[in-house]
């Protein structure tokens, strides 16, 4: 037995209606109160009727009554307003700070045993999700009600790192967007190297050369550490020569080339190709972040981000190695990931910081308008009868899996709640 399960029973009023305190007084729970996740009693503003008298105050819950003393509550005035001590086992008489006894309810034997049996199964099994065997019995309406909130939870999690970045950039939105855009261009495998690259090359320097795509490539590839070898082809030699001049002008120091990862990546995802596409994107827009703010839907964002790498890369994936001729265009799926992981969170945060709610709404709406992501996790949900018609649903389901199912937070899950008490 654990306190988390006892909190669940109390919060959702799953105890038997006929209850008595340990001193033999009739107990009626009028309202369980507000669950407290911080310090202090477990439930605030509860209301109970004990032997005909209504009491309003706090409720503390423990597995063993003696936990009251183990946690030193008897010395803490914050617990003087506890009107009921609910425990699984009474192994001690409990008193408040002033020495008077706290009414005690023993929960053991006053709830359906099948709920605890199912809870133990959920928390102890090794299935892909704890409720995999019974999830088909969940009410689909519960999923649909919870999807927007789950999507917002996932969005807010992404906001945390952007907020730190914004503070580090002294609330310069253009610099912050540039650094996070670079990280997003790394698509997980090369996210950190891209972030290091942007951190070593300030946005203001890059913007001075925005009209010259060749110079932008020289700066980006040079700072990436990719122009430090001998080249046989003219184009990379010219880039190298230009970078040496610009690095001296701005006192730039490149990052180690060893940080970039190529192994197991498709050639179209090589960091060389992504850097060239990144240079084209910055070159194509005078004020990139403002352009993003002005976009009305994912289609306009896609047009903005649908850039080709420069001509050299039509026949290359790496410097000095000729490949079959092919335009290196940002694909729709890659742009979709950029919208989900970068644009939507930025719009949401911008609306939050600037008190402009329509940007927050736009961030969420963009996800609803994007097609569902395709990955192994979403396919597993689909196999269990949980569809994902758009990116809002896929983001919500990915968050549900990683933050609730994987962590066995079944008691905090709306679906888990229904399945446990069904």
Protein backbone atom coordinates (compact mmCIF):
# COMPACT_ATOMS: atom_id res chain seq x y z
CA UNK A 1 0.00 0.00 0.00
CA UNK A 2 1.18 3.56 -0.66
CA UNK A 3 -0.05 7.09 0.05
CA UNK A 4 -0.55 7.87 -3.62
CA UNK A 5 -3.26 5.21 -3.88
CA UNK A 6 -4.92 6.36 -0.65
CA UNK A 7 -4.95 9.95 -2.01
CA UNK A 8 -6.66 8.61 -5.14
CA UNK A 9 -9.37 6.86 -3.10
CA UNK A 10 -10.04 9.99 -1.06
CA UNK A 11 -9.91 12.46 -3.97
CA UNK A 12 -12.35 10.53 -6.12
CA UNK A 13 -14.62 9.50 -3.25
CA UNK A 14 -14.17 5.78 -3.77
CA UNK A 15 -14.55 4.88 -0.09
CA UNK A 16 -17.68 3.17 1.24
CA UNK A 17 -20.46 5.63 2.13
CA UNK A 18 -20.92 4.14 5.63
CA UNK A 19 -17.87 5.26 7.59
CA UNK A 20 -17.00 5.69 11.24
CA UNK A 21 -14.06 7.23 13.05
CA UNK A 22 -11.95 5.03 15.30
CA UNK A 23 -13.76 6.50 18.30
CA UNK A 24 -17.09 5.20 16.93
CA UNK A 25 -18.55 8.43 15.52
CA UNK A 26 -20.48 8.43 12.24
CA UNK A 27 -18.42 10.08 9.50
CA UNK A 28 -19.82 11.61 6.30
CA UNK A 29 -17.46 13.05 3.67
CA UNK A 30 -19.20 16.17 2.30
CA UNK A 31 -16.28 17.31 0.12
CA UNK A 32 -12.80 15.76 -0.13
CA UNK A 33 -11.12 19.16 -0.56
CA UNK A 34 -8.36 20.35 -2.87
CA UNK A 35 -5.42 18.03 -3.42
CA UNK A 36 -2.19 19.70 -2.27
CA UNK A 37 1.00 18.74 -4.12
CA UNK A 38 3.21 21.10 -2.09
CA UNK A 39 4.18 21.16 1.58
CA UNK A 40 1.51 20.96 4.26
CA UNK A 41 -1.58 18.77 4.69
CA UNK A 42 -2.60 16.56 1.75
CA UNK A 43 -6.06 18.09 1.18
CA UNK A 44 -7.14 21.69 1.83
CA UNK A 45 -10.65 23.02 2.43
CA UNK A 46 -12.22 19.64 3.07
CA UNK A 47 -15.64 19.31 4.69
CA UNK A 48 -16.74 16.34 6.81
CA UNK A 49 -19.57 15.68 9.22
CA UNK A 50 -18.56 13.85 12.40
CA UNK A 51 -21.37 12.68 14.67
CA UNK A 52 -23.71 15.35 13.25
CA UNK A 53 -21.25 18.26 13.47
CA UNK A 54 -19.85 19.71 10.22
CA UNK A 55 -16.14 20.48 10.18
CA UNK A 56 -14.19 22.45 7.56
CA UNK A 57 -10.42 22.22 7.34
CA UNK A 58 -7.61 19.99 6.13
CA UNK A 59 -7.21 16.24 5.81
CA UNK A 60 -3.92 14.38 6.19
CA UNK A 61 -3.47 10.87 4.78
CA UNK A 62 -0.86 8.27 5.74
CA UNK A 63 -0.32 4.54 5.29
CA UNK A 64 0.40 4.19 9.02
CA UNK A 65 -0.89 6.54 11.71
CA UNK A 66 2.62 6.67 13.20
CA UNK A 67 3.83 8.40 10.01
CA UNK A 68 2.34 11.54 11.60
CA UNK A 69 5.15 11.45 14.17
CA UNK A 70 7.76 10.21 11.69
CA UNK A 71 7.07 13.38 9.67
CA UNK A 72 7.01 15.46 12.91
CA UNK A 73 3.56 16.89 12.21
CA UNK A 74 2.83 17.11 15.94
CA UNK A 75 5.42 19.90 16.17
CA UNK A 76 4.16 21.78 13.11
CA UNK A 77 1.39 24.41 13.61
CA UNK A 78 0.49 23.99 9.92
CA UNK A 79 -1.24 20.76 10.91
CA UNK A 80 -3.35 22.27 13.70
CA UNK A 81 -6.24 22.67 11.27
CA UNK A 82 -6.33 18.99 10.33
CA UNK A 83 -9.90 17.84 10.94
CA UNK A 84 -9.34 14.20 9.97
CA UNK A 85 -6.42 11.81 9.79
CA UNK A 86 -7.17 9.07 7.22
CA UNK A 87 -4.85 6.05 7.49
CA UNK A 88 -4.59 2.52 6.17
CA UNK A 89 -3.37 1.15 9.50
CA UNK A 90 -3.84 2.72 12.92
CA UNK A 91 -0.70 1.92 14.89
CA UNK A 92 -0.66 5.06 17.02
CA UNK A 93 -2.90 7.70 18.60
CA UNK A 94 -2.27 11.03 16.86
CA UNK A 95 -2.32 14.46 18.49
CA UNK A 96 -2.01 18.01 17.20
CA UNK A 97 0.59 20.62 18.16
CA UNK A 98 -1.49 21.58 21.21
CA UNK A 99 -1.82 17.94 22.34
CA UNK A 100 -5.49 17.25 21.45
CA UNK A 101 -6.29 14.05 19.55
CA UNK A 102 -7.03 14.16 15.81
CA UNK A 103 -10.12 12.17 14.66
CA UNK A 104 -8.92 9.10 12.73
CA UNK A 105 -10.50 7.15 9.87
CA UNK A 106 -9.07 3.73 9.05
CA UNK A 107 -9.44 3.24 5.30
CA UNK A 108 -8.56 -0.44 5.24
CA UNK A 109 -11.59 -2.55 4.37
CA UNK A 110 -13.63 0.45 3.18
CA UNK A 111 -12.96 0.38 -0.55
CA UNK A 112 -13.44 -2.22 -3.32
CA UNK A 113 -10.43 -4.55 -3.34
CA UNK A 114 -10.61 -4.94 -7.13
CA UNK A 115 -9.49 -1.32 -7.52
CA UNK A 116 -6.27 -1.98 -5.65
CA UNK A 117 -5.73 -5.28 -7.49
CA UNK A 118 -6.05 -3.51 -10.84
CA UNK A 119 -3.84 -0.65 -9.67
CA UNK A 120 -1.12 -3.14 -8.69
CA UNK A 121 -1.43 -4.81 -12.07
CA UNK A 122 -1.06 -1.45 -13.82
CA UNK A 123 2.03 -0.47 -11.83
CA UNK A 124 3.76 -3.86 -11.91
CA UNK A 125 3.16 -5.16 -15.45
CA UNK A 126 5.69 -4.63 -18.26
CA UNK A 127 3.27 -3.91 -21.11
CA UNK A 128 3.86 -1.02 -23.54
CA UNK A 129 1.31 0.97 -21.55
CA UNK A 130 0.03 -0.24 -18.15
CA UNK A 131 -3.62 -0.48 -19.22
CA UNK A 132 -2.93 -2.09 -22.60
CA UNK A 133 -5.07 -5.12 -21.86
CA UNK A 134 -8.19 -3.13 -20.93
CA UNK A 135 -7.83 0.21 -22.72
CA UNK A 136 -10.48 -0.78 -25.25
CA UNK A 137 -12.98 -0.34 -22.41
CA UNK A 138 -12.11 3.33 -21.92
CA UNK A 139 -14.67 5.93 -22.95
CA UNK A 140 -13.38 7.62 -26.18
CA UNK A 141 -14.95 10.86 -24.97
CA UNK A 142 -12.42 10.96 -22.11
CA UNK A 143 -9.56 10.91 -24.61
CA UNK A 144 -11.09 13.67 -26.71
CA UNK A 145 -11.69 15.84 -23.66
CA UNK A 146 -8.13 15.39 -22.43
CA UNK A 147 -6.26 15.72 -25.76
CA UNK A 148 -6.07 19.58 -25.78
CA UNK A 149 -4.81 19.68 -22.17
CA UNK A 150 -2.17 17.02 -22.90
CA UNK A 151 -1.04 18.94 -25.98
CA UNK A 152 -0.70 22.12 -23.89
CA UNK A 153 1.31 20.19 -21.25
CA UNK A 154 3.72 19.05 -23.96
CA UNK A 155 3.90 22.55 -25.39
CA UNK A 156 4.64 24.06 -21.98
CA UNK A 157 7.42 21.53 -21.46
CA UNK A 158 9.06 22.79 -24.66
CA UNK A 159 8.59 26.36 -23.46
CA UNK A 160 10.88 25.81 -20.47
CA UNK A 161 14.04 25.54 -22.58
CA UNK A 162 12.95 28.43 -24.84
CA UNK A 163 12.36 30.63 -21.77
CA UNK A 164 15.88 29.88 -20.55
CA UNK A 165 17.21 30.72 -23.99
CA UNK A 166 15.21 33.96 -24.07
CA UNK A 167 16.66 35.01 -20.71
CA UNK A 168 20.19 34.11 -21.85
CA UNK A 169 19.67 36.32 -24.93
CA UNK A 170 18.44 39.27 -22.79
CA UNK A 171 14.93 38.93 -24.28
CA UNK A 172 16.18 39.47 -27.83
CA UNK A 173 13.48 37.54 -29.71
CA UNK A 174 15.38 37.47 -33.01
CA UNK A 175 18.54 36.01 -31.46
CA UNK A 176 16.51 33.54 -29.41
CA UNK A 177 14.51 32.36 -32.42
CA UNK A 178 17.70 32.02 -34.48
CA UNK A 179 19.41 29.85 -31.86
CA UNK A 180 16.38 27.63 -31.38
CA UNK A 181 15.78 27.40 -35.11
CA UNK A 182 19.36 26.20 -35.51
CA UNK A 183 18.85 23.58 -32.81
CA UNK A 184 15.63 22.44 -34.48
CA UNK A 185 17.50 22.06 -37.78
CA UNK A 186 19.61 19.40 -36.07
CA UNK A 187 16.53 17.16 -35.76
CA UNK A 188 17.60 15.49 -32.51
CA UNK A 189 20.77 13.77 -33.80
CA UNK A 190 22.62 17.04 -34.48
CA UNK A 191 20.57 19.37 -32.29
CA UNK A 192 23.43 20.09 -29.89
CA UNK A 193 26.07 20.78 -32.60
CA UNK A 194 23.65 23.15 -34.35
CA UNK A 195 23.03 24.90 -31.04
CA UNK A 196 26.79 25.27 -30.50
CA UNK A 197 27.13 26.63 -34.02
CA UNK A 198 24.47 29.31 -33.50
CA UNK A 199 25.93 30.18 -30.12
CA UNK A 200 29.35 30.77 -31.73
CA UNK A 201 27.94 32.97 -34.50
CA UNK A 202 25.66 35.79 -33.27
CA UNK A 203 22.56 36.59 -35.29
CA UNK A 204 23.63 40.20 -35.75
CA UNK A 205 26.83 39.12 -37.52
CA UNK A 206 24.97 36.70 -39.76
CA UNK A 207 22.42 39.37 -40.62
CA UNK A 208 25.13 41.74 -41.85
CA UNK A 209 25.77 39.27 -44.66
CA UNK A 210 22.18 38.15 -45.26
CA UNK A 211 22.16 39.50 -48.82
CA UNK A 212 25.18 37.40 -49.75
CA UNK A 213 24.39 33.67 -49.56
CA UNK A 214 27.98 32.73 -50.32
CA UNK A 215 29.24 34.69 -47.31
CA UNK A 216 26.51 33.18 -45.13
CA UNK A 217 27.64 29.69 -46.12
CA UNK A 218 31.24 30.64 -45.47
CA UNK A 219 30.37 31.83 -41.97
CA UNK A 220 28.15 28.85 -41.10
CA UNK A 221 30.37 26.10 -42.53
CA UNK A 222 33.45 27.80 -41.15
CA UNK A 223 32.02 28.12 -37.66
CA UNK A 224 30.88 24.51 -37.91
CA UNK A 225 34.54 23.54 -38.24
CA UNK A 226 33.98 22.06 -41.71
CA UNK A 227 36.40 24.28 -43.63
CA UNK A 228 39.59 23.30 -41.86
CA UNK A 229 40.93 20.76 -44.40
CA UNK A 230 42.45 20.90 -47.88
CA UNK A 231 39.92 20.85 -50.74
CA UNK A 232 40.39 19.92 -54.39
CA UNK A 233 37.20 21.67 -55.57
CA UNK A 234 37.04 25.39 -56.16
CA UNK A 235 33.79 26.16 -54.28
CA UNK A 236 34.85 24.88 -50.83
CA UNK A 237 38.28 26.52 -51.34
CA UNK A 238 36.56 29.86 -51.96
CA UNK A 239 34.37 29.32 -48.88
CA UNK A 240 37.48 28.58 -46.87
CA UNK A 241 39.22 31.73 -48.10
CA UNK A 242 36.15 33.89 -47.37
CA UNK A 243 35.72 32.39 -43.91
CA UNK A 244 39.32 33.11 -42.94
CA UNK A 245 38.79 36.76 -43.80
CA UNK A 246 35.44 37.02 -41.94
CA UNK A 247 36.68 35.06 -38.91
CA UNK A 248 39.56 37.50 -38.58
CA UNK A 249 37.24 40.47 -39.00
CA UNK A 250 34.83 39.33 -36.27
CA UNK A 251 37.32 37.41 -34.10
CA UNK A 252 35.37 34.17 -34.51
CA UNK A 253 36.39 30.76 -33.15
CA UNK A 254 34.87 27.68 -34.79
CA UNK A 255 33.43 24.69 -32.94
CA UNK A 256 35.14 21.26 -33.24
CA UNK A 257 34.12 19.44 -36.41
CA UNK A 258 34.10 16.20 -34.41
CA UNK A 259 30.78 17.12 -32.74
CA UNK A 260 28.83 16.55 -35.97
CA UNK A 261 27.20 13.16 -36.48
CA UNK A 262 26.81 11.54 -39.90
CA UNK A 263 26.57 7.86 -38.92
CA UNK A 264 23.25 6.14 -39.70
CA UNK A 265 21.78 9.31 -41.20
CA UNK A 266 20.31 9.40 -44.67
CA UNK A 267 22.48 11.60 -46.93
CA UNK A 268 19.60 14.10 -47.26
CA UNK A 269 19.80 14.57 -43.49
CA UNK A 270 23.58 15.05 -43.33
CA UNK A 271 24.49 18.17 -41.31
CA UNK A 272 26.26 19.58 -44.37
CA UNK A 273 22.96 19.61 -46.28
CA UNK A 274 21.07 21.00 -43.28
CA UNK A 275 23.59 23.83 -42.83
CA UNK A 276 23.27 24.73 -46.51
CA UNK A 277 19.45 24.74 -46.20
CA UNK A 278 19.71 26.81 -43.02
CA UNK A 279 21.84 29.36 -44.88
CA UNK A 280 19.24 29.52 -47.67
CA UNK A 281 16.41 30.05 -45.18
CA UNK A 282 18.16 32.92 -43.39
CA UNK A 283 19.20 34.40 -46.74
CA UNK A 284 15.62 34.30 -48.10
CA UNK A 285 13.99 36.30 -45.28
CA UNK A 286 14.96 39.79 -44.14
CA UNK A 287 13.32 39.41 -40.71
CA UNK A 288 12.71 35.73 -40.09
CA UNK A 289 10.98 35.86 -36.71
CA UNK A 290 8.64 38.67 -37.77
CA UNK A 291 7.83 36.67 -40.90
CA UNK A 292 6.90 33.69 -38.74
CA UNK A 293 4.67 35.85 -36.53
CA UNK A 294 2.83 37.10 -39.62
CA UNK A 295 2.12 33.65 -41.03
CA UNK A 296 -1.55 32.79 -40.71
CA UNK A 297 -1.41 29.01 -41.11
CA UNK A 298 0.98 26.07 -41.61
CA UNK A 299 0.74 26.50 -45.40
CA UNK A 300 2.34 29.96 -45.22
CA UNK A 301 4.99 28.65 -42.82
CA UNK A 302 5.72 25.82 -45.24
CA UNK A 303 6.20 28.30 -48.07
CA UNK A 304 8.60 30.28 -45.89
CA UNK A 305 10.64 27.21 -44.89
CA UNK A 306 10.55 25.38 -48.25
CA UNK A 307 14.06 26.39 -49.29
CA UNK A 308 16.66 24.81 -51.57
CA UNK A 309 20.28 24.47 -50.62
CA UNK A 310 22.63 26.42 -52.93
CA UNK A 311 23.59 25.09 -56.36
CA UNK A 312 26.79 23.36 -55.20
CA UNK A 313 24.73 21.01 -53.07
CA UNK A 314 22.62 19.86 -56.04
CA UNK A 315 25.46 17.45 -56.80
CA UNK A 316 26.92 16.98 -53.30
CA UNK A 317 26.04 15.66 -49.86
CA UNK A 318 29.57 16.22 -48.59
CA UNK A 319 32.36 18.59 -49.58
CA UNK A 320 34.47 17.13 -52.37
CA UNK A 321 32.25 14.12 -53.13
CA UNK A 322 30.08 14.36 -56.23
CA UNK A 323 26.70 12.61 -56.12
CA UNK A 324 23.75 12.25 -58.49
CA UNK A 325 22.19 15.63 -59.25
CA UNK A 326 19.23 16.38 -57.01
CA UNK A 327 17.78 19.54 -55.49
CA UNK A 328 18.22 19.61 -51.70
CA UNK A 329 14.77 20.94 -50.82
CA UNK A 330 13.42 20.96 -47.26
CA UNK A 331 10.77 18.22 -47.22
CA UNK A 332 7.21 18.63 -45.97
CA UNK A 333 7.72 16.19 -43.09
CA UNK A 334 10.84 18.07 -41.91
CA UNK A 335 9.00 21.38 -42.10
CA UNK A 336 6.10 19.85 -40.18
CA UNK A 337 8.48 18.89 -37.37
CA UNK A 338 9.90 22.41 -37.33
CA UNK A 339 6.39 23.84 -36.99
CA UNK A 340 5.52 21.43 -34.17
CA UNK A 341 8.76 21.69 -32.22
CA UNK A 342 9.73 25.30 -32.89
CA UNK A 343 7.10 27.55 -34.46
CA UNK A 344 4.10 26.49 -32.34
CA UNK A 345 5.98 26.79 -28.99
CA UNK A 346 7.43 30.18 -30.02
CA UNK A 347 4.03 31.55 -30.99
CA UNK A 348 2.56 30.28 -27.71
CA UNK A 349 5.39 31.80 -25.62
CA UNK A 350 5.32 35.09 -27.52
CA UNK A 351 1.59 35.37 -26.83
CA UNK A 352 2.15 34.53 -23.17
CA UNK A 353 5.00 37.03 -22.62
CA UNK A 354 3.40 39.83 -24.64
CA UNK A 355 -0.13 39.16 -23.31
CA UNK A 356 -1.39 38.56 -26.85
CA UNK A 357 -3.64 35.49 -26.56
CA UNK A 358 -4.27 35.19 -30.31
CA UNK A 359 -0.65 34.06 -30.76
CA UNK A 360 -1.18 31.33 -28.16
CA UNK A 361 -4.31 30.21 -30.00
CA UNK A 362 -2.41 30.28 -33.28
CA UNK A 363 0.29 28.02 -31.86
CA UNK A 364 -2.30 25.41 -30.88
CA UNK A 365 -4.30 25.82 -34.09
CA UNK A 366 -1.21 25.19 -36.20
CA UNK A 367 -0.94 21.74 -34.62
CA UNK A 368 -4.59 20.97 -35.33
CA UNK A 369 -4.10 21.94 -38.98
CA UNK A 370 -0.99 19.80 -39.48
CA UNK A 371 -1.28 16.14 -40.48
CA UNK A 372 -0.52 13.50 -37.88
CA UNK A 373 3.10 12.53 -37.38
CA UNK A 374 4.06 9.03 -38.44
CA UNK A 375 6.24 7.09 -36.03
CA UNK A 376 6.31 3.75 -34.23
CA UNK A 377 4.69 5.11 -31.07
CA UNK A 378 1.70 6.61 -32.88
CA UNK A 379 1.31 3.36 -34.81
CA UNK A 380 1.07 1.45 -31.50
CA UNK A 381 -1.69 3.79 -30.29
CA UNK A 382 -3.51 3.25 -33.58
CA UNK A 383 -3.29 -0.54 -33.17
CA UNK A 384 -5.02 -0.17 -29.79
CA UNK A 385 -7.88 1.76 -31.36
CA UNK A 386 -6.68 5.26 -30.40
CA UNK A 387 -6.63 7.37 -33.59
CA UNK A 388 -4.54 10.49 -34.20
CA UNK A 389 -6.12 12.56 -36.97
CA UNK A 390 -3.77 15.54 -36.63
CA UNK A 391 -0.51 16.72 -35.04
CA UNK A 392 -2.33 18.00 -31.94
CA UNK A 393 -3.42 14.42 -31.22
CA UNK A 394 0.00 12.93 -31.91
CA UNK A 395 1.70 15.44 -29.61
CA UNK A 396 -0.85 14.67 -26.90
CA UNK A 397 -0.41 10.89 -27.26
CA UNK A 398 3.38 11.15 -27.25
CA UNK A 399 3.15 13.18 -24.02
CA UNK A 400 0.68 10.72 -22.49
CA UNK A 401 3.05 7.83 -23.18
CA UNK A 402 6.25 9.48 -21.95
CA UNK A 403 4.88 11.39 -18.95
CA UNK A 404 2.08 9.18 -17.69
CA UNK A 405 2.28 5.62 -19.03
CA UNK A 406 6.07 5.22 -18.84
CA UNK A 407 6.11 6.72 -15.35
CA UNK A 408 3.15 4.60 -14.17
CA UNK A 409 1.18 7.73 -13.26
CA UNK A 410 -2.09 5.84 -13.71
CA UNK A 411 -3.72 7.56 -10.74
CA UNK A 412 -3.15 10.97 -12.36
CA UNK A 413 -4.33 9.78 -15.77
CA UNK A 414 -7.96 10.44 -16.68
CA UNK A 415 -8.12 7.21 -18.66
CA UNK A 416 -6.45 5.28 -15.85
CA UNK A 417 -8.93 6.72 -13.35
CA UNK A 418 -11.87 5.46 -15.33
CA UNK A 419 -10.38 2.01 -15.93
CA UNK A 420 -9.38 1.56 -12.29
CA UNK A 421 -12.79 2.39 -10.87
CA UNK A 422 -14.88 0.85 -13.64
